[in-house]
């Protein structure tokens, strides 16, 4: 049987200092302490002003500085023009406010199909979806689950464990360390169907 190959992409925009925008984002100056908080504050202001959702912020130290990633979405799906406008304004505000002082690469992208889940609102929003959850400490003897989001009541997420004899897990929200949607692909009717088409489009 020929394996089914499916590629999943995230949309993203890149800016580099002194150059026209490319796909994904740019070089500026960034500091060490409080970088993530400063970027989150600025990014939240920019995305809220456009009616977008700031899904997540990541800051990682690299040999040449920091890599900062913003994950942005909006109802109906985010486009490259939207991501570019966010990246340009965030970069301009960072230059103006100058909250940081070492070089960084800034990426702005869509959250992708396996988007992170942050807080009760996200778990309610994606009821019925397949998710992967990890907890800070063991809950009923385990810390990792993959299942379908069934409900959120009384500060507890109920997860249907479809591949574990139809069992359920009840995980308190305040014990969840990480939550993320799982990518679900439609079942193929044959080895040849779907093998030539990606799940989503990319503009790389």
C-alpha atoms as a PDB file:
ATOM      1  CA  UNK A   1       0.000   0.000   0.000  1.00  0.00           C
ATOM      2  CA  UNK A   2       1.323   3.441  -0.884  1.00  0.00           C
ATOM      3  CA  UNK A   3       1.564   5.627   2.253  1.00  0.00           C
ATOM      4  CA  UNK A   4      -0.680   8.674   2.424  1.00  0.00           C
ATOM      5  CA  UNK A   5       1.414  11.837   2.641  1.00  0.00           C
ATOM      6  CA  UNK A   6      -0.198  15.053   3.860  1.00  0.00           C
ATOM      7  CA  UNK A   7       1.658  18.305   4.489  1.00  0.00           C
ATOM      8  CA  UNK A   8       0.305  20.838   6.979  1.00  0.00           C
ATOM      9  CA  UNK A   9       1.604  24.409   6.854  1.00  0.00           C
ATOM     10  CA  UNK A  10       1.265  27.553   8.917  1.00  0.00           C
ATOM     11  CA  UNK A  11       1.024  30.959   7.338  1.00  0.00           C
ATOM     12  CA  UNK A  12       3.760  33.345   8.407  1.00  0.00           C
ATOM     13  CA  UNK A  13       5.519  36.611   7.607  1.00  0.00           C
ATOM     14  CA  UNK A  14       9.210  37.535   7.979  1.00  0.00           C
ATOM     15  CA  UNK A  15      10.756  41.009   8.076  1.00  0.00           C
ATOM     16  CA  UNK A  16      14.465  41.723   8.036  1.00  0.00           C
ATOM     17  CA  UNK A  17      15.962  45.074   8.849  1.00  0.00           C
ATOM     18  CA  UNK A  18      16.277  47.300   5.795  1.00  0.00           C
ATOM     19  CA  UNK A  19      14.608  44.803   3.479  1.00  0.00           C
ATOM     20  CA  UNK A  20      11.139  44.370   2.048  1.00  0.00           C
ATOM     21  CA  UNK A  21       8.974  41.847   3.917  1.00  0.00           C
ATOM     22  CA  UNK A  22       9.624  38.180   3.189  1.00  0.00           C
ATOM     23  CA  UNK A  23       7.761  35.142   4.491  1.00  0.00           C
ATOM     24  CA  UNK A  24       8.238  35.052   8.249  1.00  0.00           C
ATOM     25  CA  UNK A  25       9.885  38.270  10.249  1.00  0.00           C
ATOM     26  CA  UNK A  26      12.924  40.623  11.238  1.00  0.00           C
ATOM     27  CA  UNK A  27      16.078  41.672  13.089  1.00  0.00           C
ATOM     28  CA  UNK A  28      15.922  44.383  15.781  1.00  0.00           C
ATOM     29  CA  UNK A  29      17.197  44.865  19.348  1.00  0.00           C
ATOM     30  CA  UNK A  30      15.923  42.921  22.343  1.00  0.00           C
ATOM     31  CA  UNK A  31      16.809  42.600  26.015  1.00  0.00           C
ATOM     32  CA  UNK A  32      17.117  39.637  28.352  1.00  0.00           C
ATOM     33  CA  UNK A  33      14.858  40.107  31.360  1.00  0.00           C
ATOM     34  CA  UNK A  34      11.173  40.755  30.759  1.00  0.00           C
ATOM     35  CA  UNK A  35      11.404  40.288  27.003  1.00  0.00           C
ATOM     36  CA  UNK A  36       8.392  38.014  26.766  1.00  0.00           C
ATOM     37  CA  UNK A  37       6.233  40.310  28.896  1.00  0.00           C
ATOM     38  CA  UNK A  38       7.211  43.383  26.862  1.00  0.00           C
ATOM     39  CA  UNK A  39       6.515  41.675  23.557  1.00  0.00           C
ATOM     40  CA  UNK A  40       3.229  40.223  24.783  1.00  0.00           C
ATOM     41  CA  UNK A  41       2.013  43.626  25.949  1.00  0.00           C
ATOM     42  CA  UNK A  42       2.827  45.257  22.626  1.00  0.00           C
ATOM     43  CA  UNK A  43       1.499  42.374  20.533  1.00  0.00           C
ATOM     44  CA  UNK A  44      -1.728  42.230  22.539  1.00  0.00           C
ATOM     45  CA  UNK A  45      -2.290  45.945  21.938  1.00  0.00           C
ATOM     46  CA  UNK A  46      -1.712  45.581  18.192  1.00  0.00           C
ATOM     47  CA  UNK A  47      -3.843  42.464  17.702  1.00  0.00           C
ATOM     48  CA  UNK A  48      -6.710  43.730  19.873  1.00  0.00           C
ATOM     49  CA  UNK A  49      -6.823  46.932  17.839  1.00  0.00           C
ATOM     50  CA  UNK A  50      -7.410  44.864  14.701  1.00  0.00           C
ATOM     51  CA  UNK A  51      -9.910  42.479  16.265  1.00  0.00           C
ATOM     52  CA  UNK A  52      -7.399  39.619  16.055  1.00  0.00           C
ATOM     53  CA  UNK A  53      -6.563  37.012  18.691  1.00  0.00           C
ATOM     54  CA  UNK A  54      -3.066  36.747  20.157  1.00  0.00           C
ATOM     55  CA  UNK A  55      -2.924  32.984  20.640  1.00  0.00           C
ATOM     56  CA  UNK A  56       0.574  32.646  22.058  1.00  0.00           C
ATOM     57  CA  UNK A  57       4.006  34.254  22.452  1.00  0.00           C
ATOM     58  CA  UNK A  58       7.279  32.312  22.475  1.00  0.00           C
ATOM     59  CA  UNK A  59      10.751  33.671  23.247  1.00  0.00           C
ATOM     60  CA  UNK A  60      13.818  31.450  22.804  1.00  0.00           C
ATOM     61  CA  UNK A  61      17.480  32.328  23.246  1.00  0.00           C
ATOM     62  CA  UNK A  62      19.700  31.504  20.287  1.00  0.00           C
ATOM     63  CA  UNK A  63      23.436  31.993  19.608  1.00  0.00           C
ATOM     64  CA  UNK A  64      22.800  35.269  17.749  1.00  0.00           C
ATOM     65  CA  UNK A  65      20.150  36.639  20.098  1.00  0.00           C
ATOM     66  CA  UNK A  66      16.502  35.748  20.653  1.00  0.00           C
ATOM     67  CA  UNK A  67      13.827  34.240  18.462  1.00  0.00           C
ATOM     68  CA  UNK A  68      10.398  35.707  19.203  1.00  0.00           C
ATOM     69  CA  UNK A  69       7.316  34.062  17.759  1.00  0.00           C
ATOM     70  CA  UNK A  70       3.800  35.493  17.793  1.00  0.00           C
ATOM     71  CA  UNK A  71       0.871  33.248  16.945  1.00  0.00           C
ATOM     72  CA  UNK A  72      -2.090  35.263  15.711  1.00  0.00           C
ATOM     73  CA  UNK A  73      -5.556  34.237  14.543  1.00  0.00           C
ATOM     74  CA  UNK A  74      -8.935  35.717  13.738  1.00  0.00           C
ATOM     75  CA  UNK A  75     -12.447  34.445  13.196  1.00  0.00           C
ATOM     76  CA  UNK A  76     -12.667  32.863   9.778  1.00  0.00           C
ATOM     77  CA  UNK A  77      -8.894  32.450   9.522  1.00  0.00           C
ATOM     78  CA  UNK A  78      -5.929  34.809   9.328  1.00  0.00           C
ATOM     79  CA  UNK A  79      -4.246  35.816   6.058  1.00  0.00           C
ATOM     80  CA  UNK A  80      -0.730  36.821   5.060  1.00  0.00           C
ATOM     81  CA  UNK A  81      -1.686  40.488   4.708  1.00  0.00           C
ATOM     82  CA  UNK A  82      -3.035  40.424   8.269  1.00  0.00           C
ATOM     83  CA  UNK A  83       0.154  38.831   9.595  1.00  0.00           C
ATOM     84  CA  UNK A  84       2.327  41.299   7.720  1.00  0.00           C
ATOM     85  CA  UNK A  85       0.450  44.274   9.150  1.00  0.00           C
ATOM     86  CA  UNK A  86       0.832  42.904  12.682  1.00  0.00           C
ATOM     87  CA  UNK A  87       4.560  42.265  12.239  1.00  0.00           C
ATOM     88  CA  UNK A  88       5.206  45.734  10.859  1.00  0.00           C
ATOM     89  CA  UNK A  89       3.341  47.512  13.644  1.00  0.00           C
ATOM     90  CA  UNK A  90       4.815  45.375  16.435  1.00  0.00           C
ATOM     91  CA  UNK A  91       8.310  46.022  15.064  1.00  0.00           C
ATOM     92  CA  UNK A  92       7.663  49.765  14.794  1.00  0.00           C
ATOM     93  CA  UNK A  93       6.397  49.969  18.383  1.00  0.00           C
ATOM     94  CA  UNK A  94       9.378  47.993  19.671  1.00  0.00           C
ATOM     95  CA  UNK A  95      11.654  50.499  17.925  1.00  0.00           C
ATOM     96  CA  UNK A  96       9.763  53.455  19.369  1.00  0.00           C
ATOM     97  CA  UNK A  97       9.418  52.168  22.937  1.00  0.00           C
ATOM     98  CA  UNK A  98      12.822  50.456  22.931  1.00  0.00           C
ATOM     99  CA  UNK A  99      12.006  48.022  25.772  1.00  0.00           C
ATOM    100  CA  UNK A 100      14.860  45.651  24.921  1.00  0.00           C
ATOM    101  CA  UNK A 101      18.495  45.881  23.967  1.00  0.00           C
ATOM    102  CA  UNK A 102      19.809  42.803  22.108  1.00  0.00           C
ATOM    103  CA  UNK A 103      19.217  41.456  18.604  1.00  0.00           C
ATOM    104  CA  UNK A 104      16.252  39.211  17.862  1.00  0.00           C
ATOM    105  CA  UNK A 105      14.357  37.578  15.028  1.00  0.00           C
ATOM    106  CA  UNK A 106      10.619  38.165  15.120  1.00  0.00           C
ATOM    107  CA  UNK A 107       8.211  35.732  13.487  1.00  0.00           C
ATOM    108  CA  UNK A 108       4.467  36.236  13.183  1.00  0.00           C
ATOM    109  CA  UNK A 109       2.443  33.242  12.063  1.00  0.00           C
ATOM    110  CA  UNK A 110      -0.923  31.548  12.255  1.00  0.00           C
ATOM    111  CA  UNK A 111      -1.294  29.022  15.095  1.00  0.00           C
ATOM    112  CA  UNK A 112      -1.753  26.057  12.740  1.00  0.00           C
ATOM    113  CA  UNK A 113      -4.091  23.109  13.125  1.00  0.00           C
ATOM    114  CA  UNK A 114      -2.382  21.985  16.343  1.00  0.00           C
ATOM    115  CA  UNK A 115      -2.902  25.315  18.057  1.00  0.00           C
ATOM    116  CA  UNK A 116      -2.279  25.604  21.801  1.00  0.00           C
ATOM    117  CA  UNK A 117      -5.204  25.791  24.221  1.00  0.00           C
ATOM    118  CA  UNK A 118      -4.978  28.603  26.772  1.00  0.00           C
ATOM    119  CA  UNK A 119      -7.490  28.787  29.587  1.00  0.00           C
ATOM    120  CA  UNK A 120     -11.126  27.834  30.033  1.00  0.00           C
ATOM    121  CA  UNK A 121     -12.378  29.899  27.091  1.00  0.00           C
ATOM    122  CA  UNK A 122     -10.251  27.933  24.612  1.00  0.00           C
ATOM    123  CA  UNK A 123     -11.360  24.567  26.001  1.00  0.00           C
ATOM    124  CA  UNK A 124     -15.000  25.624  25.681  1.00  0.00           C
ATOM    125  CA  UNK A 125     -14.455  27.027  22.201  1.00  0.00           C
ATOM    126  CA  UNK A 126     -13.048  23.752  20.891  1.00  0.00           C
ATOM    127  CA  UNK A 127     -15.485  21.292  22.479  1.00  0.00           C
ATOM    128  CA  UNK A 128     -15.767  18.234  20.268  1.00  0.00           C
ATOM    129  CA  UNK A 129     -12.189  18.550  19.003  1.00  0.00           C
ATOM    130  CA  UNK A 130      -9.368  16.099  19.635  1.00  0.00           C
ATOM    131  CA  UNK A 131      -6.802  17.453  22.089  1.00  0.00           C
ATOM    132  CA  UNK A 132      -3.589  16.478  23.882  1.00  0.00           C
ATOM    133  CA  UNK A 133      -3.292  17.583  27.513  1.00  0.00           C
ATOM    134  CA  UNK A 134      -0.479  17.359  30.066  1.00  0.00           C
ATOM    135  CA  UNK A 135      -0.752  18.205  33.761  1.00  0.00           C
ATOM    136  CA  UNK A 136       1.694  19.663  36.287  1.00  0.00           C
ATOM    137  CA  UNK A 137       1.188  16.686  38.571  1.00  0.00           C
ATOM    138  CA  UNK A 138      -0.487  13.254  38.326  1.00  0.00           C
ATOM    139  CA  UNK A 139      -4.279  13.205  38.147  1.00  0.00           C
ATOM    140  CA  UNK A 140      -5.721   9.764  38.880  1.00  0.00           C
ATOM    141  CA  UNK A 141      -2.261   8.300  38.348  1.00  0.00           C
ATOM    142  CA  UNK A 142      -1.299   9.912  35.033  1.00  0.00           C
ATOM    143  CA  UNK A 143      -0.100  13.181  33.524  1.00  0.00           C
ATOM    144  CA  UNK A 144      -0.751  12.855  29.772  1.00  0.00           C
ATOM    145  CA  UNK A 145      -3.982  12.316  27.837  1.00  0.00           C
ATOM    146  CA  UNK A 146      -5.192  12.413  24.238  1.00  0.00           C
ATOM    147  CA  UNK A 147      -8.927  12.510  23.691  1.00  0.00           C
ATOM    148  CA  UNK A 148     -11.963  14.481  22.584  1.00  0.00           C
ATOM    149  CA  UNK A 149     -13.030  17.565  24.539  1.00  0.00           C
ATOM    150  CA  UNK A 150     -16.451  16.751  25.987  1.00  0.00           C
ATOM    151  CA  UNK A 151     -17.203  19.503  28.497  1.00  0.00           C
ATOM    152  CA  UNK A 152     -15.823  22.146  30.818  1.00  0.00           C
ATOM    153  CA  UNK A 153     -17.726  22.379  34.096  1.00  0.00           C
ATOM    154  CA  UNK A 154     -16.755  23.506  37.575  1.00  0.00           C
ATOM    155  CA  UNK A 155     -13.184  24.210  36.522  1.00  0.00           C
ATOM    156  CA  UNK A 156     -12.716  20.657  35.182  1.00  0.00           C
ATOM    157  CA  UNK A 157     -12.105  19.555  31.597  1.00  0.00           C
ATOM    158  CA  UNK A 158     -13.745  16.254  30.600  1.00  0.00           C
ATOM    159  CA  UNK A 159     -11.912  14.326  27.905  1.00  0.00           C
ATOM    160  CA  UNK A 160     -13.314  11.328  26.030  1.00  0.00           C
ATOM    161  CA  UNK A 161     -10.578   8.709  25.671  1.00  0.00           C
ATOM    162  CA  UNK A 162     -11.784   7.181  22.408  1.00  0.00           C
ATOM    163  CA  UNK A 163      -8.801   4.847  22.063  1.00  0.00           C
ATOM    164  CA  UNK A 164      -8.998   3.605  25.644  1.00  0.00           C
ATOM    165  CA  UNK A 165     -12.232   1.594  25.632  1.00  0.00           C
ATOM    166  CA  UNK A 166     -14.376   4.716  25.655  1.00  0.00           C
ATOM    167  CA  UNK A 167     -13.195   5.913  29.055  1.00  0.00           C
ATOM    168  CA  UNK A 168     -13.168   9.515  30.258  1.00  0.00           C
ATOM    169  CA  UNK A 169     -10.665  11.704  32.084  1.00  0.00           C
ATOM    170  CA  UNK A 170     -11.505  14.659  34.306  1.00  0.00           C
ATOM    171  CA  UNK A 171      -8.632  17.139  34.533  1.00  0.00           C
ATOM    172  CA  UNK A 172      -8.807  20.295  36.694  1.00  0.00           C
ATOM    173  CA  UNK A 173      -7.966  23.398  34.696  1.00  0.00           C
ATOM    174  CA  UNK A 174      -5.589  24.641  37.377  1.00  0.00           C
ATOM    175  CA  UNK A 175      -3.525  21.459  36.998  1.00  0.00           C
ATOM    176  CA  UNK A 176      -3.153  21.662  33.207  1.00  0.00           C
ATOM    177  CA  UNK A 177       0.410  22.505  32.181  1.00  0.00           C
ATOM    178  CA  UNK A 178      -0.051  22.259  28.406  1.00  0.00           C
ATOM    179  CA  UNK A 179      -2.994  21.745  26.102  1.00  0.00           C
ATOM    180  CA  UNK A 180      -2.968  21.551  22.322  1.00  0.00           C
ATOM    181  CA  UNK A 181      -5.360  20.511  19.570  1.00  0.00           C
ATOM    182  CA  UNK A 182      -4.449  17.336  17.700  1.00  0.00           C
ATOM    183  CA  UNK A 183      -4.439  17.400  13.912  1.00  0.00           C
ATOM    184  CA  UNK A 184      -7.214  15.238  12.491  1.00  0.00           C
ATOM    185  CA  UNK A 185      -7.149  14.145   8.858  1.00  0.00           C
ATOM    186  CA  UNK A 186     -10.153  12.772   6.995  1.00  0.00           C
ATOM    187  CA  UNK A 187      -9.989   9.018   6.485  1.00  0.00           C
ATOM    188  CA  UNK A 188      -8.831   8.093   3.003  1.00  0.00           C
ATOM    189  CA  UNK A 189     -10.979   5.831   0.821  1.00  0.00           C
ATOM    190  CA  UNK A 190      -7.908   4.641  -0.997  1.00  0.00           C
ATOM    191  CA  UNK A 191      -4.171   4.999  -1.074  1.00  0.00           C
ATOM    192  CA  UNK A 192      -4.257   7.329  -4.064  1.00  0.00           C
ATOM    193  CA  UNK A 193      -6.903   9.720  -2.797  1.00  0.00           C
ATOM    194  CA  UNK A 194      -5.615  12.845  -1.091  1.00  0.00           C
ATOM    195  CA  UNK A 195      -1.970  11.934  -1.574  1.00  0.00           C
ATOM    196  CA  UNK A 196      -1.343  14.861  -3.914  1.00  0.00           C
ATOM    197  CA  UNK A 197      -3.116  17.572  -1.918  1.00  0.00           C
ATOM    198  CA  UNK A 198      -1.941  19.300   1.280  1.00  0.00           C
ATOM    199  CA  UNK A 199      -4.367  19.735   4.168  1.00  0.00           C
ATOM    200  CA  UNK A 200      -3.877  23.481   3.955  1.00  0.00           C
ATOM    201  CA  UNK A 201      -2.216  25.826   1.523  1.00  0.00           C
ATOM    202  CA  UNK A 202       1.074  27.614   2.016  1.00  0.00           C
ATOM    203  CA  UNK A 203       2.558  30.707   0.454  1.00  0.00           C
ATOM    204  CA  UNK A 204       6.208  29.895   0.986  1.00  0.00           C
END
